[in-house]
Amino acid sequence: MQVGRIVGTVVSSQKDPALVGMKLHVVEQTDLMGKPKGFHVIAVDSVGAGVGELVLYASGSSARQTEITRDKPVDAVVMSIVDSITVNNELLFCK
């Protein structure tokens, strides 16, 4: 899993039938505090996340393990909206 922030959306009127109805986001990878790393992926949303939210996403074969992405042609999926991140009793991020 990686931490990222949703920075945009992708709209595609022509796509593989297996992707019809799926919401696509542009996710920028971040550090644990939400600071951008400059790397972007396009990810299917499985949790109803929105632009600006810090999320956890998976890529590669792990992206095809959620209910809505199983056996679909996806390489990244948003599977969690982050509320807070604590490391060694230090709060690094809070929504």
PDB file of N, CA and C in Angstrom:
ATOM      1  N   MET A   1       0.840  -1.186   0.000  1.00  0.00           N
ATOM      2  CA  MET A   1       0.000   0.000   0.000  1.00  0.00           C
ATOM      3  C   MET A   1       0.881   1.243   0.000  1.00  0.00           C
ATOM      4  N   GLN A   2       0.366   2.258  -0.643  1.00  0.00           N
ATOM      5  CA  GLN A   2       1.032   3.551  -0.713  1.00  0.00           C
ATOM      6  C   GLN A   2       0.066   4.620  -0.216  1.00  0.00           C
ATOM      7  N   VAL A   3       0.632   5.742   0.238  1.00  0.00           N
ATOM      8  CA  VAL A   3      -0.173   6.894   0.648  1.00  0.00           C
ATOM      9  C   VAL A   3      -0.172   7.888  -0.507  1.00  0.00           C
ATOM     10  N   GLY A   4      -1.335   8.455  -0.797  1.00  0.00           N
ATOM     11  CA  GLY A   4      -1.429   9.441  -1.857  1.00  0.00           C
ATOM     12  C   GLY A   4      -2.580  10.396  -1.633  1.00  0.00           C
ATOM     13  N   ARG A   5      -2.575  11.463  -2.408  1.00  0.00           N
ATOM     14  CA  ARG A   5      -3.663  12.441  -2.343  1.00  0.00           C
ATOM     15  C   ARG A   5      -4.349  12.491  -3.706  1.00  0.00           C
ATOM     16  N   ILE A   6      -5.655  12.485  -3.689  1.00  0.00           N
ATOM     17  CA  ILE A   6      -6.406  12.595  -4.939  1.00  0.00           C
ATOM     18  C   ILE A   6      -6.324  14.039  -5.412  1.00  0.00           C
ATOM     19  N   VAL A   7      -5.743  14.212  -6.608  1.00  0.00           N
ATOM     20  CA  VAL A   7      -5.533  15.558  -7.132  1.00  0.00           C
ATOM     21  C   VAL A   7      -6.348  15.835  -8.397  1.00  0.00           C
ATOM     22  N   GLY A   8      -7.087  14.834  -8.866  1.00  0.00           N
ATOM     23  CA  GLY A   8      -7.888  15.048 -10.067  1.00  0.00           C
ATOM     24  C   GLY A   8      -8.697  13.816 -10.425  1.00  0.00           C
ATOM     25  N   THR A   9      -9.434  13.933 -11.504  1.00  0.00           N
ATOM     26  CA  THR A   9     -10.261  12.827 -11.979  1.00  0.00           C
ATOM     27  C   THR A   9      -9.981  12.594 -13.462  1.00  0.00           C
ATOM     28  N   VAL A  10     -10.359  11.425 -13.922  1.00  0.00           N
ATOM     29  CA  VAL A  10     -10.239  11.083 -15.336  1.00  0.00           C
ATOM     30  C   VAL A  10     -11.628  10.701 -15.834  1.00  0.00           C
ATOM     31  N   VAL A  11     -12.040  11.295 -16.939  1.00  0.00           N
ATOM     32  CA  VAL A  11     -13.309  10.956 -17.566  1.00  0.00           C
ATOM     33  C   VAL A  11     -12.984  10.312 -18.904  1.00  0.00           C
ATOM     34  N   SER A  12     -13.576   9.154 -19.150  1.00  0.00           N
ATOM     35  CA  SER A  12     -13.333   8.419 -20.382  1.00  0.00           C
ATOM     36  C   SER A  12     -14.654   7.852 -20.896  1.00  0.00           C
ATOM     37  N   SER A  13     -15.104   8.355 -22.043  1.00  0.00           N
ATOM     38  CA  SER A  13     -16.389   7.881 -22.569  1.00  0.00           C
ATOM     39  C   SER A  13     -16.255   6.551 -23.307  1.00  0.00           C
ATOM     40  N   GLN A  14     -15.070   6.243 -23.799  1.00  0.00           N
ATOM     41  CA  GLN A  14     -14.817   4.974 -24.481  1.00  0.00           C
ATOM     42  C   GLN A  14     -13.812   4.184 -23.655  1.00  0.00           C
ATOM     43  N   LYS A  15     -14.226   3.007 -23.178  1.00  0.00           N
ATOM     44  CA  LYS A  15     -13.332   2.189 -22.366  1.00  0.00           C
ATOM     45  C   LYS A  15     -13.746   0.738 -22.435  1.00  0.00           C
ATOM     46  N   ASP A  16     -12.892  -0.120 -21.938  1.00  0.00           N
ATOM     47  CA  ASP A  16     -13.193  -1.541 -21.876  1.00  0.00           C
ATOM     48  C   ASP A  16     -14.493  -1.727 -21.102  1.00  0.00           C
ATOM     49  N   PRO A  17     -15.371  -2.609 -21.540  1.00  0.00           N
ATOM     50  CA  PRO A  17     -16.642  -2.825 -20.842  1.00  0.00           C
ATOM     51  C   PRO A  17     -16.475  -3.185 -19.359  1.00  0.00           C
ATOM     52  N   ALA A  18     -15.363  -3.788 -18.992  1.00  0.00           N
ATOM     53  CA  ALA A  18     -15.133  -4.147 -17.592  1.00  0.00           C
ATOM     54  C   ALA A  18     -14.933  -2.918 -16.709  1.00  0.00           C
ATOM     55  N   LEU A  19     -14.661  -1.771 -17.322  1.00  0.00           N
ATOM     56  CA  LEU A  19     -14.427  -0.544 -16.549  1.00  0.00           C
ATOM     57  C   LEU A  19     -15.636   0.386 -16.497  1.00  0.00           C
ATOM     58  N   VAL A  20     -16.696   0.041 -17.182  1.00  0.00           N
ATOM     59  CA  VAL A  20     -17.891   0.890 -17.208  1.00  0.00           C
ATOM     60  C   VAL A  20     -18.425   1.061 -15.780  1.00  0.00           C
ATOM     61  N   GLY A  21     -18.702   2.307 -15.415  1.00  0.00           N
ATOM     62  CA  GLY A  21     -19.243   2.614 -14.097  1.00  0.00           C
ATOM     63  C   GLY A  21     -18.198   2.847 -13.029  1.00  0.00           C
ATOM     64  N   MET A  22     -16.934   2.646 -13.351  1.00  0.00           N
ATOM     65  CA  MET A  22     -15.876   2.856 -12.353  1.00  0.00           C
ATOM     66  C   MET A  22     -15.403   4.301 -12.385  1.00  0.00           C
ATOM     67  N   LYS A  23     -15.236   4.888 -11.198  1.00  0.00           N
ATOM     68  CA  LYS A  23     -14.740   6.249 -11.050  1.00  0.00           C
ATOM     69  C   LYS A  23     -13.218   6.195 -11.053  1.00  0.00           C
ATOM     70  N   LEU A  24     -12.580   7.052 -11.855  1.00  0.00           N
ATOM     71  CA  LEU A  24     -11.127   7.074 -11.964  1.00  0.00           C
ATOM     72  C   LEU A  24     -10.562   8.361 -11.377  1.00  0.00           C
ATOM     73  N   HIS A  25      -9.508   8.221 -10.568  1.00  0.00           N
ATOM     74  CA  HIS A  25      -8.857   9.372  -9.938  1.00  0.00           C
ATOM     75  C   HIS A  25      -7.403   9.479 -10.362  1.00  0.00           C
ATOM     76  N   VAL A  26      -6.885  10.705 -10.368  1.00  0.00           N
ATOM     77  CA  VAL A  26      -5.447  10.942 -10.464  1.00  0.00           C
ATOM     78  C   VAL A  26      -4.963  11.035  -9.017  1.00  0.00           C
ATOM     79  N   VAL A  27      -4.049  10.124  -8.630  1.00  0.00           N
ATOM     80  CA  VAL A  27      -3.541  10.079  -7.265  1.00  0.00           C
ATOM     81  C   VAL A  27      -2.056  10.430  -7.289  1.00  0.00           C
ATOM     82  N   GLU A  28      -1.667  11.429  -6.485  1.00  0.00           N
ATOM     83  CA  GLU A  28      -0.264  11.799  -6.346  1.00  0.00           C
ATOM     84  C   GLU A  28       0.300  11.131  -5.097  1.00  0.00           C
ATOM     85  N   GLN A  29       1.359  10.366  -5.263  1.00  0.00           N
ATOM     86  CA  GLN A  29       1.987   9.706  -4.124  1.00  0.00           C
ATOM     87  C   GLN A  29       2.520  10.760  -3.157  1.00  0.00           C
ATOM     88  N   THR A  30       2.358  10.495  -1.843  1.00  0.00           N
ATOM     89  CA  THR A  30       2.822  11.421  -0.805  1.00  0.00           C
ATOM     90  C   THR A  30       3.626  10.654   0.239  1.00  0.00           C
ATOM     91  N   ASP A  31       4.261  11.416   1.138  1.00  0.00           N
ATOM     92  CA  ASP A  31       4.868  10.790   2.299  1.00  0.00           C
ATOM     93  C   ASP A  31       3.784  10.613   3.363  1.00  0.00           C
ATOM     94  N   LEU A  32       4.154  10.133   4.536  1.00  0.00           N
ATOM     95  CA  LEU A  32       3.162   9.866   5.586  1.00  0.00           C
ATOM     96  C   LEU A  32       2.491  11.123   6.124  1.00  0.00           C
ATOM     97  N   MET A  33       3.091  12.283   5.873  1.00  0.00           N
ATOM     98  CA  MET A  33       2.507  13.543   6.333  1.00  0.00           C
ATOM     99  C   MET A  33       1.657  14.202   5.260  1.00  0.00           C
ATOM    100  N   GLY A  34       1.560  13.564   4.099  1.00  0.00           N
ATOM    101  CA  GLY A  34       0.752  14.113   3.019  1.00  0.00           C
ATOM    102  C   GLY A  34       1.498  15.047   2.093  1.00  0.00           C
ATOM    103  N   LYS A  35       2.834  15.116   2.214  1.00  0.00           N
ATOM    104  CA  LYS A  35       3.624  15.978   1.331  1.00  0.00           C
ATOM    105  C   LYS A  35       3.862  15.265   0.003  1.00  0.00           C
ATOM    106  N   PRO A  36       3.631  15.947  -1.129  1.00  0.00           N
ATOM    107  CA  PRO A  36       3.736  15.324  -2.453  1.00  0.00           C
ATOM    108  C   PRO A  36       5.140  14.827  -2.770  1.00  0.00           C
ATOM    109  N   LYS A  37       5.190  13.695  -3.483  1.00  0.00           N
ATOM    110  CA  LYS A  37       6.451  13.148  -3.980  1.00  0.00           C
ATOM    111  C   LYS A  37       6.602  13.353  -5.486  1.00  0.00           C
ATOM    112  N   GLY A  38       5.530  13.821  -6.150  1.00  0.00           N
ATOM    113  CA  GLY A  38       5.611  14.129  -7.574  1.00  0.00           C
ATOM    114  C   GLY A  38       5.303  12.983  -8.509  1.00  0.00           C
ATOM    115  N   PHE A  39       4.974  11.817  -7.995  1.00  0.00           N
ATOM    116  CA  PHE A  39       4.653  10.654  -8.819  1.00  0.00           C
ATOM    117  C   PHE A  39       3.142  10.482  -8.845  1.00  0.00           C
ATOM    118  N   HIS A  40       2.554  10.290 -10.032  1.00  0.00           N
ATOM    119  CA  HIS A  40       1.102  10.164 -10.180  1.00  0.00           C
ATOM    120  C   HIS A  40       0.703   8.810 -10.764  1.00  0.00           C
ATOM    121  N   VAL A  41      -0.463   8.317 -10.351  1.00  0.00           N
ATOM    122  CA  VAL A  41      -1.064   7.118 -10.936  1.00  0.00           C
ATOM    123  C   VAL A  41      -2.547   7.392 -11.170  1.00  0.00           C
ATOM    124  N   ILE A  42      -3.127   6.630 -12.067  1.00  0.00           N
ATOM    125  CA  ILE A  42      -4.582   6.657 -12.266  1.00  0.00           C
ATOM    126  C   ILE A  42      -5.123   5.442 -11.535  1.00  0.00           C
ATOM    127  N   ALA A  43      -6.066   5.662 -10.629  1.00  0.00           N
ATOM    128  CA  ALA A  43      -6.574   4.573  -9.792  1.00  0.00           C
ATOM    129  C   ALA A  43      -8.092   4.533  -9.806  1.00  0.00           C
ATOM    130  N   VAL A  44      -8.629   3.315  -9.808  1.00  0.00           N
ATOM    131  CA  VAL A  44     -10.069   3.097  -9.666  1.00  0.00           C
ATOM    132  C   VAL A  44     -10.438   3.362  -8.211  1.00  0.00           C
ATOM    133  N   ASP A  45     -11.550   4.033  -7.980  1.00  0.00           N
ATOM    134  CA  ASP A  45     -12.016   4.330  -6.624  1.00  0.00           C
ATOM    135  C   ASP A  45     -12.962   3.235  -6.147  1.00  0.00           C
ATOM    136  N   SER A  46     -12.603   2.575  -5.036  1.00  0.00           N
ATOM    137  CA  SER A  46     -13.496   1.539  -4.494  1.00  0.00           C
ATOM    138  C   SER A  46     -14.171   1.973  -3.194  1.00  0.00           C
ATOM    139  N   VAL A  47     -13.920   3.231  -2.750  1.00  0.00           N
ATOM    140  CA  VAL A  47     -14.442   3.658  -1.449  1.00  0.00           C
ATOM    141  C   VAL A  47     -15.194   4.989  -1.459  1.00  0.00           C
ATOM    142  N   GLY A  48     -15.344   5.627  -2.602  1.00  0.00           N
ATOM    143  CA  GLY A  48     -16.066   6.897  -2.657  1.00  0.00           C
ATOM    144  C   GLY A  48     -15.246   8.091  -2.218  1.00  0.00           C
ATOM    145  N   ALA A  49     -13.952   8.071  -2.485  1.00  0.00           N
ATOM    146  CA  ALA A  49     -13.060   9.171  -2.112  1.00  0.00           C
ATOM    147  C   ALA A  49     -13.257  10.350  -3.059  1.00  0.00           C
ATOM    148  N   GLY A  50     -12.793  11.526  -2.623  1.00  0.00           N
ATOM    149  CA  GLY A  50     -12.934  12.722  -3.438  1.00  0.00           C
ATOM    150  C   GLY A  50     -11.636  13.488  -3.570  1.00  0.00           C
ATOM    151  N   VAL A  51     -11.637  14.445  -4.479  1.00  0.00           N
ATOM    152  CA  VAL A  51     -10.454  15.269  -4.717  1.00  0.00           C
ATOM    153  C   VAL A  51     -10.039  15.957  -3.423  1.00  0.00           C
ATOM    154  N   GLY A  52      -8.738  15.920  -3.129  1.00  0.00           N
ATOM    155  CA  GLY A  52      -8.177  16.549  -1.941  1.00  0.00           C
ATOM    156  C   GLY A  52      -7.968  15.596  -0.779  1.00  0.00           C
ATOM    157  N   GLU A  53      -8.575  14.412  -0.832  1.00  0.00           N
ATOM    158  CA  GLU A  53      -8.453  13.482   0.299  1.00  0.00           C
ATOM    159  C   GLU A  53      -7.159  12.680   0.240  1.00  0.00           C
ATOM    160  N   LEU A  54      -6.605  12.409   1.431  1.00  0.00           N
ATOM    161  CA  LEU A  54      -5.458  11.522   1.566  1.00  0.00           C
ATOM    162  C   LEU A  54      -6.003  10.102   1.605  1.00  0.00           C
ATOM    163  N   VAL A  55      -5.404   9.213   0.805  1.00  0.00           N
ATOM    164  CA  VAL A  55      -5.925   7.858   0.659  1.00  0.00           C
ATOM    165  C   VAL A  55      -4.791   6.838   0.697  1.00  0.00           C
ATOM    166  N   LEU A  56      -5.166   5.581   0.876  1.00  0.00           N
ATOM    167  CA  LEU A  56      -4.252   4.468   0.656  1.00  0.00           C
ATOM    168  C   LEU A  56      -4.633   3.846  -0.670  1.00  0.00           C
ATOM    169  N   TYR A  57      -3.618   3.526  -1.468  1.00  0.00           N
ATOM    170  CA  TYR A  57      -3.891   2.865  -2.738  1.00  0.00           C
ATOM    171  C   TYR A  57      -2.919   1.710  -2.933  1.00  0.00           C
ATOM    172  N   ALA A  58      -3.342   0.750  -3.712  1.00  0.00           N
ATOM    173  CA  ALA A  58      -2.502  -0.398  -4.043  1.00  0.00           C
ATOM    174  C   ALA A  58      -2.329  -0.433  -5.549  1.00  0.00           C
ATOM    175  N   SER A  59      -1.203  -0.987  -5.982  1.00  0.00           N
ATOM    176  CA  SER A  59      -0.966  -1.099  -7.421  1.00  0.00           C
ATOM    177  C   SER A  59      -0.488  -2.502  -7.765  1.00  0.00           C
ATOM    178  N   GLY A  60      -0.422  -2.768  -9.049  1.00  0.00           N
ATOM    179  CA  GLY A  60      -0.035  -4.092  -9.509  1.00  0.00           C
ATOM    180  C   GLY A  60      -1.145  -5.104  -9.267  1.00  0.00           C
ATOM    181  N   SER A  61      -0.762  -6.354  -9.079  1.00  0.00           N
ATOM    182  CA  SER A  61      -1.765  -7.408  -8.911  1.00  0.00           C
ATOM    183  C   SER A  61      -2.627  -7.194  -7.666  1.00  0.00           C
ATOM    184  N   SER A  62      -2.115  -6.492  -6.664  1.00  0.00           N
ATOM    185  CA  SER A  62      -2.900  -6.197  -5.455  1.00  0.00           C
ATOM    186  C   SER A  62      -4.105  -5.319  -5.770  1.00  0.00           C
ATOM    187  N   ALA A  63      -4.021  -4.536  -6.841  1.00  0.00           N
ATOM    188  CA  ALA A  63      -5.130  -3.648  -7.214  1.00  0.00           C
ATOM    189  C   ALA A  63      -6.356  -4.430  -7.679  1.00  0.00           C
ATOM    190  N   ARG A  64      -6.171  -5.686  -8.001  1.00  0.00           N
ATOM    191  CA  ARG A  64      -7.292  -6.493  -8.483  1.00  0.00           C
ATOM    192  C   ARG A  64      -7.869  -7.389  -7.386  1.00  0.00           C
ATOM    193  N   GLN A  65      -7.699  -6.993  -6.131  1.00  0.00           N
ATOM    194  CA  GLN A  65      -8.164  -7.803  -5.007  1.00  0.00           C
ATOM    195  C   GLN A  65      -9.395  -7.249  -4.313  1.00  0.00           C
ATOM    196  N   THR A  66      -9.889  -6.063  -4.717  1.00  0.00           N
ATOM    197  CA  THR A  66     -11.111  -5.536  -4.098  1.00  0.00           C
ATOM    198  C   THR A  66     -12.325  -6.128  -4.806  1.00  0.00           C
ATOM    199  N   GLU A  67     -13.478  -5.982  -4.181  1.00  0.00           N
ATOM    200  CA  GLU A  67     -14.714  -6.512  -4.774  1.00  0.00           C
ATOM    201  C   GLU A  67     -14.965  -5.967  -6.180  1.00  0.00           C
ATOM    202  N   ILE A  68     -14.795  -4.654  -6.356  1.00  0.00           N
ATOM    203  CA  ILE A  68     -15.151  -4.071  -7.653  1.00  0.00           C
ATOM    204  C   ILE A  68     -14.059  -4.221  -8.709  1.00  0.00           C
ATOM    205  N   THR A  69     -12.817  -4.516  -8.302  1.00  0.00           N
ATOM    206  CA  THR A  69     -11.731  -4.622  -9.284  1.00  0.00           C
ATOM    207  C   THR A  69     -11.308  -6.055  -9.581  1.00  0.00           C
ATOM    208  N   ARG A  70     -11.876  -7.014  -8.887  1.00  0.00           N
ATOM    209  CA  ARG A  70     -11.476  -8.415  -9.088  1.00  0.00           C
ATOM    210  C   ARG A  70     -11.587  -8.814 -10.554  1.00  0.00           C
ATOM    211  N   ASP A  71     -10.472  -9.308 -11.089  1.00  0.00           N
ATOM    212  CA  ASP A  71     -10.393  -9.779 -12.481  1.00  0.00           C
ATOM    213  C   ASP A  71     -10.673  -8.690 -13.520  1.00  0.00           C
ATOM    214  N   LYS A  72     -10.440  -7.431 -13.152  1.00  0.00           N
ATOM    215  CA  LYS A  72     -10.632  -6.314 -14.080  1.00  0.00           C
ATOM    216  C   LYS A  72      -9.261  -5.808 -14.537  1.00  0.00           C
ATOM    217  N   PRO A  73      -9.197  -5.114 -15.677  1.00  0.00           N
ATOM    218  CA  PRO A  73      -7.921  -4.613 -16.187  1.00  0.00           C
ATOM    219  C   PRO A  73      -7.494  -3.309 -15.510  1.00  0.00           C
ATOM    220  N   VAL A  74      -7.169  -3.377 -14.219  1.00  0.00           N
ATOM    221  CA  VAL A  74      -6.732  -2.193 -13.474  1.00  0.00           C
ATOM    222  C   VAL A  74      -5.354  -2.436 -12.864  1.00  0.00           C
ATOM    223  N   ASP A  75      -4.613  -1.352 -12.706  1.00  0.00           N
ATOM    224  CA  ASP A  75      -3.282  -1.451 -12.129  1.00  0.00           C
ATOM    225  C   ASP A  75      -3.150  -0.682 -10.828  1.00  0.00           C
ATOM    226  N   ALA A  76      -4.167   0.106 -10.458  1.00  0.00           N
ATOM    227  CA  ALA A  76      -4.142   0.826  -9.182  1.00  0.00           C
ATOM    228  C   ALA A  76      -5.570   1.003  -8.685  1.00  0.00           C
ATOM    229  N   VAL A  77      -5.740   0.935  -7.345  1.00  0.00           N
ATOM    230  CA  VAL A  77      -7.059   1.085  -6.749  1.00  0.00           C
ATOM    231  C   VAL A  77      -6.939   1.868  -5.444  1.00  0.00           C
ATOM    232  N   VAL A  78      -7.853   2.824  -5.241  1.00  0.00           N
ATOM    233  CA  VAL A  78      -7.980   3.514  -3.962  1.00  0.00           C
ATOM    234  C   VAL A  78      -8.857   2.633  -3.096  1.00  0.00           C
ATOM    235  N   MET A  79      -8.317   2.210  -1.918  1.00  0.00           N
ATOM    236  CA  MET A  79      -9.104   1.299  -1.092  1.00  0.00           C
ATOM    237  C   MET A  79      -9.310   1.782   0.329  1.00  0.00           C
ATOM    238  N   SER A  80      -8.875   3.010   0.627  1.00  0.00           N
ATOM    239  CA  SER A  80      -9.069   3.536   1.974  1.00  0.00           C
ATOM    240  C   SER A  80      -8.918   5.050   1.972  1.00  0.00           C
ATOM    241  N   ILE A  81      -9.758   5.730   2.741  1.00  0.00           N
ATOM    242  CA  ILE A  81      -9.615   7.164   2.985  1.00  0.00           C
ATOM    243  C   ILE A  81      -8.965   7.305   4.354  1.00  0.00           C
ATOM    244  N   VAL A  82      -7.854   8.034   4.410  1.00  0.00           N
ATOM    245  CA  VAL A  82      -7.072   8.148   5.649  1.00  0.00           C
ATOM    246  C   VAL A  82      -7.691   9.189   6.579  1.00  0.00           C
ATOM    247  N   ASP A  83      -7.909   8.796   7.842  1.00  0.00           N
ATOM    248  CA  ASP A  83      -8.358   9.735   8.876  1.00  0.00           C
ATOM    249  C   ASP A  83      -7.168  10.297   9.642  1.00  0.00           C
ATOM    250  N   SER A  84      -6.224   9.415   9.992  1.00  0.00           N
ATOM    251  CA  SER A  84      -5.029   9.875  10.701  1.00  0.00           C
ATOM    252  C   SER A  84      -3.908   8.865  10.516  1.00  0.00           C
ATOM    253  N   ILE A  85      -2.664   9.355  10.704  1.00  0.00           N
ATOM    254  CA  ILE A  85      -1.470   8.506  10.671  1.00  0.00           C
ATOM    255  C   ILE A  85      -0.631   8.858  11.883  1.00  0.00           C
ATOM    256  N   THR A  86      -0.332   7.842  12.698  1.00  0.00           N
ATOM    257  CA  THR A  86       0.495   8.021  13.896  1.00  0.00           C
ATOM    258  C   THR A  86       1.672   7.063  13.808  1.00  0.00           C
ATOM    259  N   VAL A  87       2.883   7.573  14.052  1.00  0.00           N
ATOM    260  CA  VAL A  87       4.092   6.753  14.068  1.00  0.00           C
ATOM    261  C   VAL A  87       4.855   7.072  15.344  1.00  0.00           C
ATOM    262  N   ASN A  88       5.196   6.033  16.118  1.00  0.00           N
ATOM    263  CA  ASN A  88       5.923   6.213  17.382  1.00  0.00           C
ATOM    264  C   ASN A  88       5.255   7.236  18.292  1.00  0.00           C
ATOM    265  N   ASN A  89       3.940   7.122  18.405  1.00  0.00           N
ATOM    266  CA  ASN A  89       3.128   8.030  19.236  1.00  0.00           C
ATOM    267  C   ASN A  89       3.144   9.479  18.770  1.00  0.00           C
ATOM    268  N   GLU A  90       3.591   9.731  17.563  1.00  0.00           N
ATOM    269  CA  GLU A  90       3.571  11.091  17.009  1.00  0.00           C
ATOM    270  C   GLU A  90       2.555  11.141  15.886  1.00  0.00           C
ATOM    271  N   LEU A  91       1.611  12.054  16.000  1.00  0.00           N
ATOM    272  CA  LEU A  91       0.592  12.238  14.985  1.00  0.00           C
ATOM    273  C   LEU A  91       1.207  12.939  13.785  1.00  0.00           C
ATOM    274  N   LEU A  92       1.295  12.236  12.655  1.00  0.00           N
ATOM    275  CA  LEU A  92       1.880  12.806  11.448  1.00  0.00           C
ATOM    276  C   LEU A  92       0.832  13.444  10.547  1.00  0.00           C
ATOM    277  N   PHE A  93      -0.379  12.890  10.548  1.00  0.00           N
ATOM    278  CA  PHE A  93      -1.456  13.417   9.715  1.00  0.00           C
ATOM    279  C   PHE A  93      -2.776  13.222  10.428  1.00  0.00           C
ATOM    280  N   CYS A  94      -3.629  14.237  10.370  1.00  0.00           N
ATOM    281  CA  CYS A  94      -4.990  14.134  10.896  1.00  0.00           C
ATOM    282  C   CYS A  94      -5.916  14.875   9.951  1.00  0.00           C
ATOM    283  N   LYS A  95      -6.985  14.232   9.543  1.00  0.00           N
ATOM    284  CA  LYS A  95      -7.935  14.798   8.587  1.00  0.00           C
ATOM    285  C   LYS A  95      -8.585  16.051   9.117  1.00  0.00           C
TER     286      LYS A  95
END
